[in-house]
Amino acid sequence: MENSTLKLKIKSEIEKLISESCANPQSTKKFETLHVALLKKHYNAADVSIDYHRKRIVLDIVMDDTFYEPSKVNMTLPILHANLFFKNLKDFLKSCIVTDTESMGFYAGLLRTFTNKEVKLTAA
């Protein structure tokens, strides 16, 4: 029960940060970095670019991680190039939120980076 309360708190805080980042139509570089990080995590993308004006997201999605070797330059990873359209960036980014344990740790790190607040990883 305590674990689900913590997940809800982190999910709520990351959704609040997404709302704040999408409220300003002229996105700052800081918030663009947040958006790219969320998309990279959700889609397992090697490269992400966002065209806010045309409402497009271009992704290079890694299809199979088993070919990745951290000790080498990886030139032959199976990549899917995707060009996605979004109507509402805030809703699109919120739909990328996943509540598994690994993702919650990632979101807590993003909150720490982008809000300068510590998120306690233990439920009170």
PDB file of N, CA and C in Angstrom:
ATOM      1  N   MET A   1       0.822  -1.184   0.000  1.00  0.00           N
ATOM      2  CA  MET A   1       0.000   0.000   0.000  1.00  0.00           C
ATOM      3  C   MET A   1       0.869   1.253   0.000  1.00  0.00           C
ATOM      4  N   GLU A   2       1.931   1.242   0.803  1.00  0.00           N
ATOM      5  CA  GLU A   2       2.815   2.397   0.863  1.00  0.00           C
ATOM      6  C   GLU A   2       3.484   2.635  -0.480  1.00  0.00           C
ATOM      7  N   ASN A   3       3.833   1.557  -1.193  1.00  0.00           N
ATOM      8  CA  ASN A   3       4.484   1.650  -2.481  1.00  0.00           C
ATOM      9  C   ASN A   3       3.564   2.309  -3.500  1.00  0.00           C
ATOM     10  N   SER A   4       2.262   1.979  -3.475  1.00  0.00           N
ATOM     11  CA  SER A   4       1.322   2.581  -4.416  1.00  0.00           C
ATOM     12  C   SER A   4       1.114   4.065  -4.104  1.00  0.00           C
ATOM     13  N   THR A   5       1.170   4.454  -2.853  1.00  0.00           N
ATOM     14  CA  THR A   5       1.060   5.863  -2.481  1.00  0.00           C
ATOM     15  C   THR A   5       2.246   6.646  -3.028  1.00  0.00           C
ATOM     16  N   LEU A   6       3.418   6.070  -2.937  1.00  0.00           N
ATOM     17  CA  LEU A   6       4.624   6.707  -3.461  1.00  0.00           C
ATOM     18  C   LEU A   6       4.538   6.846  -4.977  1.00  0.00           C
ATOM     19  N   LYS A   7       4.094   5.792  -5.650  1.00  0.00           N
ATOM     20  CA  LYS A   7       3.947   5.851  -7.110  1.00  0.00           C
ATOM     21  C   LYS A   7       2.953   6.931  -7.518  1.00  0.00           C
ATOM     22  N   LEU A   8       1.851   7.024  -6.788  1.00  0.00           N
ATOM     23  CA  LEU A   8       0.847   8.053  -7.096  1.00  0.00           C
ATOM     24  C   LEU A   8       1.411   9.453  -6.902  1.00  0.00           C
ATOM     25  N   LYS A   9       2.213   9.632  -5.862  1.00  0.00           N
ATOM     26  CA  LYS A   9       2.812  10.936  -5.599  1.00  0.00           C
ATOM     27  C   LYS A   9       3.780  11.325  -6.720  1.00  0.00           C
ATOM     28  N   ILE A  10       4.634  10.389  -7.112  1.00  0.00           N
ATOM     29  CA  ILE A  10       5.599  10.675  -8.184  1.00  0.00           C
ATOM     30  C   ILE A  10       4.866  10.924  -9.488  1.00  0.00           C
ATOM     31  N   LYS A  11       3.852  10.102  -9.794  1.00  0.00           N
ATOM     32  CA  LYS A  11       3.082  10.286 -11.033  1.00  0.00           C
ATOM     33  C   LYS A  11       2.398  11.649 -11.041  1.00  0.00           C
ATOM     34  N   SER A  12       1.819  12.018  -9.929  1.00  0.00           N
ATOM     35  CA  SER A  12       1.150  13.316  -9.826  1.00  0.00           C
ATOM     36  C   SER A  12       2.133  14.474 -10.026  1.00  0.00           C
ATOM     37  N   GLU A  13       3.311  14.368  -9.418  1.00  0.00           N
ATOM     38  CA  GLU A  13       4.318  15.430  -9.537  1.00  0.00           C
ATOM     39  C   GLU A  13       4.871  15.535 -10.960  1.00  0.00           C
ATOM     40  N   ILE A  14       5.087  14.405 -11.628  1.00  0.00           N
ATOM     41  CA  ILE A  14       5.616  14.451 -12.997  1.00  0.00           C
ATOM     42  C   ILE A  14       4.542  14.991 -13.941  1.00  0.00           C
ATOM     43  N   GLU A  15       3.278  14.669 -13.696  1.00  0.00           N
ATOM     44  CA  GLU A  15       2.198  15.219 -14.517  1.00  0.00           C
ATOM     45  C   GLU A  15       2.075  16.728 -14.307  1.00  0.00           C
ATOM     46  N   LYS A  16       2.280  17.168 -13.084  1.00  0.00           N
ATOM     47  CA  LYS A  16       2.254  18.605 -12.794  1.00  0.00           C
ATOM     48  C   LYS A  16       3.401  19.312 -13.521  1.00  0.00           C
ATOM     49  N   LEU A  17       4.572  18.701 -13.531  1.00  0.00           N
ATOM     50  CA  LEU A  17       5.725  19.265 -14.234  1.00  0.00           C
ATOM     51  C   LEU A  17       5.476  19.309 -15.741  1.00  0.00           C
ATOM     52  N   ILE A  18       4.853  18.274 -16.288  1.00  0.00           N
ATOM     53  CA  ILE A  18       4.514  18.269 -17.714  1.00  0.00           C
ATOM     54  C   ILE A  18       3.527  19.396 -18.018  1.00  0.00           C
ATOM     55  N   SER A  19       2.525  19.561 -17.184  1.00  0.00           N
ATOM     56  CA  SER A  19       1.549  20.640 -17.394  1.00  0.00           C
ATOM     57  C   SER A  19       2.225  21.999 -17.367  1.00  0.00           C
ATOM     58  N   GLU A  20       3.122  22.189 -16.418  1.00  0.00           N
ATOM     59  CA  GLU A  20       3.855  23.452 -16.312  1.00  0.00           C
ATOM     60  C   GLU A  20       4.727  23.683 -17.550  1.00  0.00           C
ATOM     61  N   SER A  21       5.360  22.637 -18.025  1.00  0.00           N
ATOM     62  CA  SER A  21       6.260  22.772 -19.169  1.00  0.00           C
ATOM     63  C   SER A  21       5.511  23.039 -20.467  1.00  0.00           C
ATOM     64  N   CYS A  22       4.261  22.594 -20.550  1.00  0.00           N
ATOM     65  CA  CYS A  22       3.470  22.789 -21.769  1.00  0.00           C
ATOM     66  C   CYS A  22       2.610  24.052 -21.718  1.00  0.00           C
ATOM     67  N   ALA A  23       2.535  24.708 -20.567  1.00  0.00           N
ATOM     68  CA  ALA A  23       1.708  25.904 -20.428  1.00  0.00           C
ATOM     69  C   ALA A  23       2.269  27.080 -21.219  1.00  0.00           C
ATOM     70  N   ASN A  24       3.582  27.138 -21.355  1.00  0.00           N
ATOM     71  CA  ASN A  24       4.231  28.217 -22.087  1.00  0.00           C
ATOM     72  C   ASN A  24       4.422  27.781 -23.532  1.00  0.00           C
ATOM     73  N   PRO A  25       3.763  28.464 -24.480  1.00  0.00           N
ATOM     74  CA  PRO A  25       3.885  28.053 -25.878  1.00  0.00           C
ATOM     75  C   PRO A  25       5.302  28.183 -26.444  1.00  0.00           C
ATOM     76  N   GLN A  26       6.103  29.045 -25.878  1.00  0.00           N
ATOM     77  CA  GLN A  26       7.490  29.182 -26.314  1.00  0.00           C
ATOM     78  C   GLN A  26       8.349  28.376 -25.344  1.00  0.00           C
ATOM     79  N   SER A  27       8.488  27.112 -25.664  1.00  0.00           N
ATOM     80  CA  SER A  27       9.193  26.187 -24.778  1.00  0.00           C
ATOM     81  C   SER A  27      10.657  26.583 -24.606  1.00  0.00           C
ATOM     82  N   THR A  28      11.104  26.494 -23.377  1.00  0.00           N
ATOM     83  CA  THR A  28      12.512  26.780 -23.108  1.00  0.00           C
ATOM     84  C   THR A  28      13.329  25.523 -23.383  1.00  0.00           C
ATOM     85  N   LYS A  29      14.610  25.679 -23.496  1.00  0.00           N
ATOM     86  CA  LYS A  29      15.508  24.545 -23.737  1.00  0.00           C
ATOM     87  C   LYS A  29      15.422  23.536 -22.583  1.00  0.00           C
ATOM     88  N   LYS A  30      15.240  24.050 -21.358  1.00  0.00           N
ATOM     89  CA  LYS A  30      15.136  23.180 -20.185  1.00  0.00           C
ATOM     90  C   LYS A  30      13.936  22.251 -20.321  1.00  0.00           C
ATOM     91  N   PHE A  31      12.795  22.801 -20.704  1.00  0.00           N
ATOM     92  CA  PHE A  31      11.603  21.972 -20.828  1.00  0.00           C
ATOM     93  C   PHE A  31      11.666  21.071 -22.055  1.00  0.00           C
ATOM     94  N   GLU A  32      12.320  21.519 -23.109  1.00  0.00           N
ATOM     95  CA  GLU A  32      12.502  20.651 -24.271  1.00  0.00           C
ATOM     96  C   GLU A  32      13.328  19.420 -23.876  1.00  0.00           C
ATOM     97  N   THR A  33      14.327  19.618 -23.034  1.00  0.00           N
ATOM     98  CA  THR A  33      15.142  18.504 -22.534  1.00  0.00           C
ATOM     99  C   THR A  33      14.272  17.523 -21.747  1.00  0.00           C
ATOM    100  N   LEU A  34      13.350  18.035 -20.935  1.00  0.00           N
ATOM    101  CA  LEU A  34      12.413  17.187 -20.191  1.00  0.00           C
ATOM    102  C   LEU A  34      11.559  16.369 -21.152  1.00  0.00           C
ATOM    103  N   HIS A  35      10.996  17.025 -22.158  1.00  0.00           N
ATOM    104  CA  HIS A  35      10.126  16.347 -23.119  1.00  0.00           C
ATOM    105  C   HIS A  35      10.885  15.238 -23.853  1.00  0.00           C
ATOM    106  N   VAL A  36      12.099  15.539 -24.284  1.00  0.00           N
ATOM    107  CA  VAL A  36      12.916  14.550 -24.992  1.00  0.00           C
ATOM    108  C   VAL A  36      13.232  13.365 -24.078  1.00  0.00           C
ATOM    109  N   ALA A  37      13.565  13.640 -22.819  1.00  0.00           N
ATOM    110  CA  ALA A  37      13.884  12.561 -21.872  1.00  0.00           C
ATOM    111  C   ALA A  37      12.677  11.636 -21.668  1.00  0.00           C
ATOM    112  N   LEU A  38      11.495  12.208 -21.523  1.00  0.00           N
ATOM    113  CA  LEU A  38      10.290  11.402 -21.346  1.00  0.00           C
ATOM    114  C   LEU A  38      10.024  10.529 -22.571  1.00  0.00           C
ATOM    115  N   LEU A  39      10.182  11.104 -23.755  1.00  0.00           N
ATOM    116  CA  LEU A  39       9.934  10.359 -24.989  1.00  0.00           C
ATOM    117  C   LEU A  39      10.984   9.270 -25.216  1.00  0.00           C
ATOM    118  N   LYS A  40      12.246   9.587 -24.919  1.00  0.00           N
ATOM    119  CA  LYS A  40      13.303   8.580 -25.065  1.00  0.00           C
ATOM    120  C   LYS A  40      13.034   7.392 -24.153  1.00  0.00           C
ATOM    121  N   LYS A  41      12.629   7.674 -22.925  1.00  0.00           N
ATOM    122  CA  LYS A  41      12.350   6.606 -21.957  1.00  0.00           C
ATOM    123  C   LYS A  41      11.167   5.752 -22.420  1.00  0.00           C
ATOM    124  N   HIS A  42      10.098   6.390 -22.814  1.00  0.00           N
ATOM    125  CA  HIS A  42       8.877   5.656 -23.165  1.00  0.00           C
ATOM    126  C   HIS A  42       9.037   4.823 -24.434  1.00  0.00           C
ATOM    127  N   TYR A  43       9.668   5.396 -25.445  1.00  0.00           N
ATOM    128  CA  TYR A  43       9.775   4.714 -26.737  1.00  0.00           C
ATOM    129  C   TYR A  43      11.095   3.963 -26.926  1.00  0.00           C
ATOM    130  N   ASN A  44      11.987   4.000 -25.952  1.00  0.00           N
ATOM    131  CA  ASN A  44      13.316   3.403 -26.082  1.00  0.00           C
ATOM    132  C   ASN A  44      14.000   3.961 -27.330  1.00  0.00           C
ATOM    133  N   ALA A  45      13.973   5.273 -27.447  1.00  0.00           N
ATOM    134  CA  ALA A  45      14.481   5.952 -28.640  1.00  0.00           C
ATOM    135  C   ALA A  45      15.929   6.384 -28.447  1.00  0.00           C
ATOM    136  N   ALA A  46      16.696   6.258 -29.508  1.00  0.00           N
ATOM    137  CA  ALA A  46      18.086   6.700 -29.494  1.00  0.00           C
ATOM    138  C   ALA A  46      18.169   8.191 -29.796  1.00  0.00           C
ATOM    139  N   ASP A  47      17.235   8.691 -30.578  1.00  0.00           N
ATOM    140  CA  ASP A  47      17.239  10.106 -30.957  1.00  0.00           C
ATOM    141  C   ASP A  47      15.799  10.595 -31.022  1.00  0.00           C
ATOM    142  N   VAL A  48      15.564  11.801 -30.508  1.00  0.00           N
ATOM    143  CA  VAL A  48      14.236  12.408 -30.522  1.00  0.00           C
ATOM    144  C   VAL A  48      14.382  13.869 -30.885  1.00  0.00           C
ATOM    145  N   SER A  49      13.541  14.326 -31.796  1.00  0.00           N
ATOM    146  CA  SER A  49      13.466  15.769 -32.047  1.00  0.00           C
ATOM    147  C   SER A  49      11.995  16.166 -32.106  1.00  0.00           C
ATOM    148  N   ILE A  50      11.705  17.322 -31.549  1.00  0.00           N
ATOM    149  CA  ILE A  50      10.328  17.796 -31.449  1.00  0.00           C
ATOM    150  C   ILE A  50      10.199  19.093 -32.239  1.00  0.00           C
ATOM    151  N   ASP A  51       9.239  19.124 -33.144  1.00  0.00           N
ATOM    152  CA  ASP A  51       8.904  20.337 -33.878  1.00  0.00           C
ATOM    153  C   ASP A  51       7.601  20.861 -33.266  1.00  0.00           C
ATOM    154  N   TYR A  52       7.725  21.795 -32.331  1.00  0.00           N
ATOM    155  CA  TYR A  52       6.569  22.303 -31.596  1.00  0.00           C
ATOM    156  C   TYR A  52       5.605  23.043 -32.516  1.00  0.00           C
ATOM    157  N   HIS A  53       6.123  23.733 -33.501  1.00  0.00           N
ATOM    158  CA  HIS A  53       5.288  24.527 -34.396  1.00  0.00           C
ATOM    159  C   HIS A  53       4.415  23.642 -35.296  1.00  0.00           C
ATOM    160  N   ARG A  54       5.007  22.589 -35.865  1.00  0.00           N
ATOM    161  CA  ARG A  54       4.270  21.687 -36.759  1.00  0.00           C
ATOM    162  C   ARG A  54       3.619  20.524 -36.019  1.00  0.00           C
ATOM    163  N   LYS A  55       3.843  20.446 -34.709  1.00  0.00           N
ATOM    164  CA  LYS A  55       3.276  19.399 -33.851  1.00  0.00           C
ATOM    165  C   LYS A  55       3.697  18.006 -34.316  1.00  0.00           C
ATOM    166  N   ARG A  56       5.009  17.853 -34.466  1.00  0.00           N
ATOM    167  CA  ARG A  56       5.588  16.590 -34.912  1.00  0.00           C
ATOM    168  C   ARG A  56       6.703  16.149 -33.971  1.00  0.00           C
ATOM    169  N   ILE A  57       6.813  14.850 -33.809  1.00  0.00           N
ATOM    170  CA  ILE A  57       7.910  14.258 -33.048  1.00  0.00           C
ATOM    171  C   ILE A  57       8.567  13.216 -33.947  1.00  0.00           C
ATOM    172  N   VAL A  58       9.876  13.355 -34.145  1.00  0.00           N
ATOM    173  CA  VAL A  58      10.629  12.411 -34.959  1.00  0.00           C
ATOM    174  C   VAL A  58      11.500  11.581 -34.018  1.00  0.00           C
ATOM    175  N   LEU A  59      11.361  10.262 -34.118  1.00  0.00           N
ATOM    176  CA  LEU A  59      12.048   9.338 -33.220  1.00  0.00           C
ATOM    177  C   LEU A  59      12.841   8.299 -34.003  1.00  0.00           C
ATOM    178  N   ASP A  60      13.979   7.910 -33.465  1.00  0.00           N
ATOM    179  CA  ASP A  60      14.699   6.736 -33.922  1.00  0.00           C
ATOM    180  C   ASP A  60      14.595   5.717 -32.795  1.00  0.00           C
ATOM    181  N   ILE A  61      13.705   4.756 -32.960  1.00  0.00           N
ATOM    182  CA  ILE A  61      13.391   3.793 -31.913  1.00  0.00           C
ATOM    183  C   ILE A  61      14.270   2.558 -32.061  1.00  0.00           C
ATOM    184  N   VAL A  62      14.945   2.184 -30.986  1.00  0.00           N
ATOM    185  CA  VAL A  62      15.776   0.978 -30.985  1.00  0.00           C
ATOM    186  C   VAL A  62      14.841  -0.224 -30.856  1.00  0.00           C
ATOM    187  N   MET A  63      14.874  -1.083 -31.872  1.00  0.00           N
ATOM    188  CA  MET A  63      13.942  -2.211 -31.923  1.00  0.00           C
ATOM    189  C   MET A  63      14.400  -3.422 -31.102  1.00  0.00           C
ATOM    190  N   ASP A  64      15.710  -3.613 -30.972  1.00  0.00           N
ATOM    191  CA  ASP A  64      16.213  -4.781 -30.250  1.00  0.00           C
ATOM    192  C   ASP A  64      17.477  -4.396 -29.486  1.00  0.00           C
ATOM    193  N   ASP A  65      17.387  -4.366 -28.165  1.00  0.00           N
ATOM    194  CA  ASP A  65      18.520  -3.973 -27.317  1.00  0.00           C
ATOM    195  C   ASP A  65      19.621  -5.024 -27.236  1.00  0.00           C
ATOM    196  N   THR A  66      19.368  -6.239 -27.671  1.00  0.00           N
ATOM    197  CA  THR A  66      20.371  -7.290 -27.535  1.00  0.00           C
ATOM    198  C   THR A  66      21.604  -7.038 -28.401  1.00  0.00           C
ATOM    199  N   PHE A  67      21.474  -6.194 -29.428  1.00  0.00           N
ATOM    200  CA  PHE A  67      22.612  -5.882 -30.289  1.00  0.00           C
ATOM    201  C   PHE A  67      23.499  -4.781 -29.702  1.00  0.00           C
ATOM    202  N   TYR A  68      23.025  -4.106 -28.660  1.00  0.00           N
ATOM    203  CA  TYR A  68      23.759  -2.986 -28.073  1.00  0.00           C
ATOM    204  C   TYR A  68      24.929  -3.482 -27.237  1.00  0.00           C
ATOM    205  N   GLU A  69      26.100  -2.926 -27.498  1.00  0.00           N
ATOM    206  CA  GLU A  69      27.289  -3.234 -26.704  1.00  0.00           C
ATOM    207  C   GLU A  69      27.881  -1.917 -26.206  1.00  0.00           C
ATOM    208  N   PRO A  70      27.859  -1.679 -24.891  1.00  0.00           N
ATOM    209  CA  PRO A  70      28.320  -0.400 -24.358  1.00  0.00           C
ATOM    210  C   PRO A  70      29.804  -0.128 -24.581  1.00  0.00           C
ATOM    211  N   SER A  71      30.588  -1.166 -24.809  1.00  0.00           N
ATOM    212  CA  SER A  71      32.031  -0.964 -24.977  1.00  0.00           C
ATOM    213  C   SER A  71      32.419  -0.607 -26.411  1.00  0.00           C
ATOM    214  N   LYS A  72      31.453  -0.607 -27.327  1.00  0.00           N
ATOM    215  CA  LYS A  72      31.733  -0.329 -28.735  1.00  0.00           C
ATOM    216  C   LYS A  72      30.869   0.809 -29.248  1.00  0.00           C
ATOM    217  N   VAL A  73      31.278   1.362 -30.387  1.00  0.00           N
ATOM    218  CA  VAL A  73      30.414   2.283 -31.124  1.00  0.00           C
ATOM    219  C   VAL A  73      29.422   1.405 -31.868  1.00  0.00           C
ATOM    220  N   ASN A  74      28.151   1.604 -31.611  1.00  0.00           N
ATOM    221  CA  ASN A  74      27.111   0.735 -32.178  1.00  0.00           C
ATOM    222  C   ASN A  74      26.573   1.331 -33.473  1.00  0.00           C
ATOM    223  N   MET A  75      27.030   0.798 -34.587  1.00  0.00           N
ATOM    224  CA  MET A  75      26.643   1.319 -35.894  1.00  0.00           C
ATOM    225  C   MET A  75      25.516   0.517 -36.543  1.00  0.00           C
ATOM    226  N   THR A  76      25.218  -0.663 -36.040  1.00  0.00           N
ATOM    227  CA  THR A  76      24.251  -1.532 -36.708  1.00  0.00           C
ATOM    228  C   THR A  76      23.070  -1.917 -35.829  1.00  0.00           C
ATOM    229  N   LEU A  77      22.613  -1.017 -35.009  1.00  0.00           N
ATOM    230  CA  LEU A  77      21.428  -1.298 -34.202  1.00  0.00           C
ATOM    231  C   LEU A  77      20.186  -1.277 -35.095  1.00  0.00           C
ATOM    232  N   PRO A  78      19.250  -2.197 -34.872  1.00  0.00           N
ATOM    233  CA  PRO A  78      18.002  -2.149 -35.641  1.00  0.00           C
ATOM    234  C   PRO A  78      17.149  -0.969 -35.155  1.00  0.00           C
ATOM    235  N   ILE A  79      16.986   0.013 -36.020  1.00  0.00           N
ATOM    236  CA  ILE A  79      16.304   1.264 -35.670  1.00  0.00           C
ATOM    237  C   ILE A  79      15.052   1.427 -36.535  1.00  0.00           C
ATOM    238  N   LEU A  80      13.971   1.886 -35.926  1.00  0.00           N
ATOM    239  CA  LEU A  80      12.751   2.245 -36.653  1.00  0.00           C
ATOM    240  C   LEU A  80      12.626   3.759 -36.607  1.00  0.00           C
ATOM    241  N   HIS A  81      12.591   4.389 -37.756  1.00  0.00           N
ATOM    242  CA  HIS A  81      12.424   5.839 -37.830  1.00  0.00           C
ATOM    243  C   HIS A  81      10.920   6.126 -37.822  1.00  0.00           C
ATOM    244  N   ALA A  82      10.446   6.926 -36.869  1.00  0.00           N
ATOM    245  CA  ALA A  82       9.017   7.221 -36.745  1.00  0.00           C
ATOM    246  C   ALA A  82       8.798   8.726 -36.721  1.00  0.00           C
ATOM    247  N   ASN A  83       7.740   9.150 -37.361  1.00  0.00           N
ATOM    248  CA  ASN A  83       7.343  10.552 -37.392  1.00  0.00           C
ATOM    249  C   ASN A  83       5.921  10.606 -36.852  1.00  0.00           C
ATOM    250  N   LEU A  84       5.771  11.093 -35.612  1.00  0.00           N
ATOM    251  CA  LEU A  84       4.476  11.103 -34.939  1.00  0.00           C
ATOM    252  C   LEU A  84       3.874  12.502 -34.931  1.00  0.00           C
ATOM    253  N   PHE A  85       2.568  12.569 -35.000  1.00  0.00           N
ATOM    254  CA  PHE A  85       1.828  13.817 -34.918  1.00  0.00           C
ATOM    255  C   PHE A  85       1.125  13.868 -33.571  1.00  0.00           C
ATOM    256  N   PHE A  86       1.094  15.050 -32.937  1.00  0.00           N
ATOM    257  CA  PHE A  86       0.335  15.195 -31.691  1.00  0.00           C
ATOM    258  C   PHE A  86      -0.588  16.406 -31.807  1.00  0.00           C
ATOM    259  N   LYS A  87      -1.770  16.280 -31.240  1.00  0.00           N
ATOM    260  CA  LYS A  87      -2.702  17.413 -31.201  1.00  0.00           C
ATOM    261  C   LYS A  87      -2.440  18.276 -29.980  1.00  0.00           C
ATOM    262  N   ASN A  88      -2.206  17.613 -28.842  1.00  0.00           N
ATOM    263  CA  ASN A  88      -1.984  18.307 -27.591  1.00  0.00           C
ATOM    264  C   ASN A  88      -0.748  17.688 -26.925  1.00  0.00           C
ATOM    265  N   LEU A  89       0.335  18.435 -26.852  1.00  0.00           N
ATOM    266  CA  LEU A  89       1.596  17.900 -26.340  1.00  0.00           C
ATOM    267  C   LEU A  89       1.462  17.439 -24.891  1.00  0.00           C
ATOM    268  N   LYS A  90       0.755  18.206 -24.071  1.00  0.00           N
ATOM    269  CA  LYS A  90       0.599  17.836 -22.661  1.00  0.00           C
ATOM    270  C   LYS A  90      -0.063  16.467 -22.526  1.00  0.00           C
ATOM    271  N   ASP A  91      -1.149  16.248 -23.234  1.00  0.00           N
ATOM    272  CA  ASP A  91      -1.834  14.952 -23.171  1.00  0.00           C
ATOM    273  C   ASP A  91      -0.964  13.835 -23.739  1.00  0.00           C
ATOM    274  N   PHE A  92      -0.244  14.142 -24.818  1.00  0.00           N
ATOM    275  CA  PHE A  92       0.634  13.149 -25.427  1.00  0.00           C
ATOM    276  C   PHE A  92       1.720  12.712 -24.454  1.00  0.00           C
ATOM    277  N   LEU A  93       2.362  13.677 -23.792  1.00  0.00           N
ATOM    278  CA  LEU A  93       3.429  13.351 -22.842  1.00  0.00           C
ATOM    279  C   LEU A  93       2.882  12.623 -21.616  1.00  0.00           C
ATOM    280  N   LYS A  94       1.711  13.026 -21.151  1.00  0.00           N
ATOM    281  CA  LYS A  94       1.118  12.343 -20.000  1.00  0.00           C
ATOM    282  C   LYS A  94       0.771  10.893 -20.334  1.00  0.00           C
ATOM    283  N   SER A  95       0.440  10.625 -21.594  1.00  0.00           N
ATOM    284  CA  SER A  95       0.137   9.247 -21.987  1.00  0.00           C
ATOM    285  C   SER A  95       1.390   8.375 -22.005  1.00  0.00           C
ATOM    286  N   CYS A  96       2.553   8.990 -21.965  1.00  0.00           N
ATOM    287  CA  CYS A  96       3.824   8.248 -21.959  1.00  0.00           C
ATOM    288  C   CYS A  96       4.245   7.820 -20.557  1.00  0.00           C
ATOM    289  N   ILE A  97       3.533   8.259 -19.532  1.00  0.00           N
ATOM    290  CA  ILE A  97       3.878   7.932 -18.148  1.00  0.00           C
ATOM    291  C   ILE A  97       3.502   6.475 -17.864  1.00  0.00           C
ATOM    292  N   VAL A  98       4.469   5.715 -17.371  1.00  0.00           N
ATOM    293  CA  VAL A  98       4.268   4.307 -17.017  1.00  0.00           C
ATOM    294  C   VAL A  98       4.573   4.173 -15.523  1.00  0.00           C
ATOM    295  N   THR A  99       3.807   3.365 -14.819  1.00  0.00           N
ATOM    296  CA  THR A  99       3.960   3.309 -13.358  1.00  0.00           C
ATOM    297  C   THR A  99       4.709   2.083 -12.848  1.00  0.00           C
ATOM    298  N   ASP A 100       5.596   1.509 -13.668  1.00  0.00           N
ATOM    299  CA  ASP A 100       6.412   0.407 -13.156  1.00  0.00           C
ATOM    300  C   ASP A 100       7.529   0.982 -12.275  1.00  0.00           C
ATOM    301  N   THR A 101       8.154   0.137 -11.494  1.00  0.00           N
ATOM    302  CA  THR A 101       9.146   0.573 -10.508  1.00  0.00           C
ATOM    303  C   THR A 101      10.345   1.273 -11.153  1.00  0.00           C
ATOM    304  N   GLU A 102      10.868   0.715 -12.239  1.00  0.00           N
ATOM    305  CA  GLU A 102      12.018   1.320 -12.905  1.00  0.00           C
ATOM    306  C   GLU A 102      11.689   2.726 -13.415  1.00  0.00           C
ATOM    307  N   SER A 103      10.518   2.880 -13.996  1.00  0.00           N
ATOM    308  CA  SER A 103      10.109   4.185 -14.518  1.00  0.00           C
ATOM    309  C   SER A 103       9.911   5.194 -13.389  1.00  0.00           C
ATOM    310  N   MET A 104       9.374   4.744 -12.274  1.00  0.00           N
ATOM    311  CA  MET A 104       9.161   5.660 -11.147  1.00  0.00           C
ATOM    312  C   MET A 104      10.488   6.234 -10.651  1.00  0.00           C
ATOM    313  N   GLY A 105      11.526   5.412 -10.622  1.00  0.00           N
ATOM    314  CA  GLY A 105      12.857   5.900 -10.245  1.00  0.00           C
ATOM    315  C   GLY A 105      13.366   6.928 -11.245  1.00  0.00           C
ATOM    316  N   PHE A 106      13.131   6.678 -12.525  1.00  0.00           N
ATOM    317  CA  PHE A 106      13.523   7.605 -13.582  1.00  0.00           C
ATOM    318  C   PHE A 106      12.789   8.939 -13.414  1.00  0.00           C
ATOM    319  N   TYR A 107      11.470   8.880 -13.170  1.00  0.00           N
ATOM    320  CA  TYR A 107      10.685  10.104 -12.995  1.00  0.00           C
ATOM    321  C   TYR A 107      11.105  10.875 -11.746  1.00  0.00           C
ATOM    322  N   ALA A 108      11.442  10.155 -10.682  1.00  0.00           N
ATOM    323  CA  ALA A 108      11.925  10.819  -9.464  1.00  0.00           C
ATOM    324  C   ALA A 108      13.213  11.579  -9.764  1.00  0.00           C
ATOM    325  N   GLY A 109      14.086  10.985 -10.574  1.00  0.00           N
ATOM    326  CA  GLY A 109      15.317  11.671 -10.986  1.00  0.00           C
ATOM    327  C   GLY A 109      15.029  12.905 -11.816  1.00  0.00           C
ATOM    328  N   LEU A 110      14.048  12.818 -12.711  1.00  0.00           N
ATOM    329  CA  LEU A 110      13.664  13.991 -13.509  1.00  0.00           C
ATOM    330  C   LEU A 110      13.116  15.105 -12.618  1.00  0.00           C
ATOM    331  N   LEU A 111      12.305  14.717 -11.644  1.00  0.00           N
ATOM    332  CA  LEU A 111      11.756  15.716 -10.714  1.00  0.00           C
ATOM    333  C   LEU A 111      12.867  16.404  -9.946  1.00  0.00           C
ATOM    334  N   ARG A 112      13.835  15.624  -9.517  1.00  0.00           N
ATOM    335  CA  ARG A 112      14.971  16.183  -8.781  1.00  0.00           C
ATOM    336  C   ARG A 112      15.742  17.167  -9.673  1.00  0.00           C
ATOM    337  N   THR A 113      15.916  16.824 -10.934  1.00  0.00           N
ATOM    338  CA  THR A 113      16.667  17.660 -11.866  1.00  0.00           C
ATOM    339  C   THR A 113      15.913  18.930 -12.249  1.00  0.00           C
ATOM    340  N   PHE A 114      14.629  18.801 -12.548  1.00  0.00           N
ATOM    341  CA  PHE A 114      13.891  19.925 -13.125  1.00  0.00           C
ATOM    342  C   PHE A 114      13.170  20.796 -12.112  1.00  0.00           C
ATOM    343  N   THR A 115      12.992  20.318 -10.877  1.00  0.00           N
ATOM    344  CA  THR A 115      12.300  21.145  -9.889  1.00  0.00           C
ATOM    345  C   THR A 115      13.183  21.506  -8.711  1.00  0.00           C
ATOM    346  N   ASN A 116      14.378  20.948  -8.657  1.00  0.00           N
ATOM    347  CA  ASN A 116      15.284  21.158  -7.541  1.00  0.00           C
ATOM    348  C   ASN A 116      14.673  20.751  -6.216  1.00  0.00           C
ATOM    349  N   LYS A 117      13.749  19.788  -6.266  1.00  0.00           N
ATOM    350  CA  LYS A 117      13.131  19.244  -5.063  1.00  0.00           C
ATOM    351  C   LYS A 117      13.538  17.789  -4.930  1.00  0.00           C
ATOM    352  N   GLU A 118      13.771  17.360  -3.737  1.00  0.00           N
ATOM    353  CA  GLU A 118      14.040  15.952  -3.489  1.00  0.00           C
ATOM    354  C   GLU A 118      12.703  15.233  -3.340  1.00  0.00           C
ATOM    355  N   VAL A 119      12.572  14.112  -4.001  1.00  0.00           N
ATOM    356  CA  VAL A 119      11.380  13.257  -3.834  1.00  0.00           C
ATOM    357  C   VAL A 119      11.819  12.085  -2.990  1.00  0.00           C
ATOM    358  N   LYS A 120      11.232  11.966  -1.808  1.00  0.00           N
ATOM    359  CA  LYS A 120      11.593  10.865  -0.927  1.00  0.00           C
ATOM    360  C   LYS A 120      11.157   9.560  -1.563  1.00  0.00           C
ATOM    361  N   LEU A 121      12.072   8.622  -1.645  1.00  0.00           N
ATOM    362  CA  LEU A 121      11.769   7.329  -2.261  1.00  0.00           C
ATOM    363  C   LEU A 121      11.265   6.312  -1.251  1.00  0.00           C
ATOM    364  N   THR A 122      10.873   6.784  -0.083  1.00  0.00           N
ATOM    365  CA  THR A 122      10.230   5.921   0.895  1.00  0.00           C
ATOM    366  C   THR A 122       8.883   6.536   1.251  1.00  0.00           C
ATOM    367  N   ALA A 123       7.875   5.723   1.389  1.00  0.00           N
ATOM    368  CA  ALA A 123       6.553   6.235   1.713  1.00  0.00           C
ATOM    369  C   ALA A 123       6.485   6.590   3.195  1.00  0.00           C
ATOM    370  N   ALA A 124       5.787   7.672   3.475  1.00  0.00           N
ATOM    371  CA  ALA A 124       5.660   8.113   4.866  1.00  0.00           C
ATOM    372  C   ALA A 124       4.445   7.521   5.519  1.00  0.00           C
TER     373      ALA A 124
END
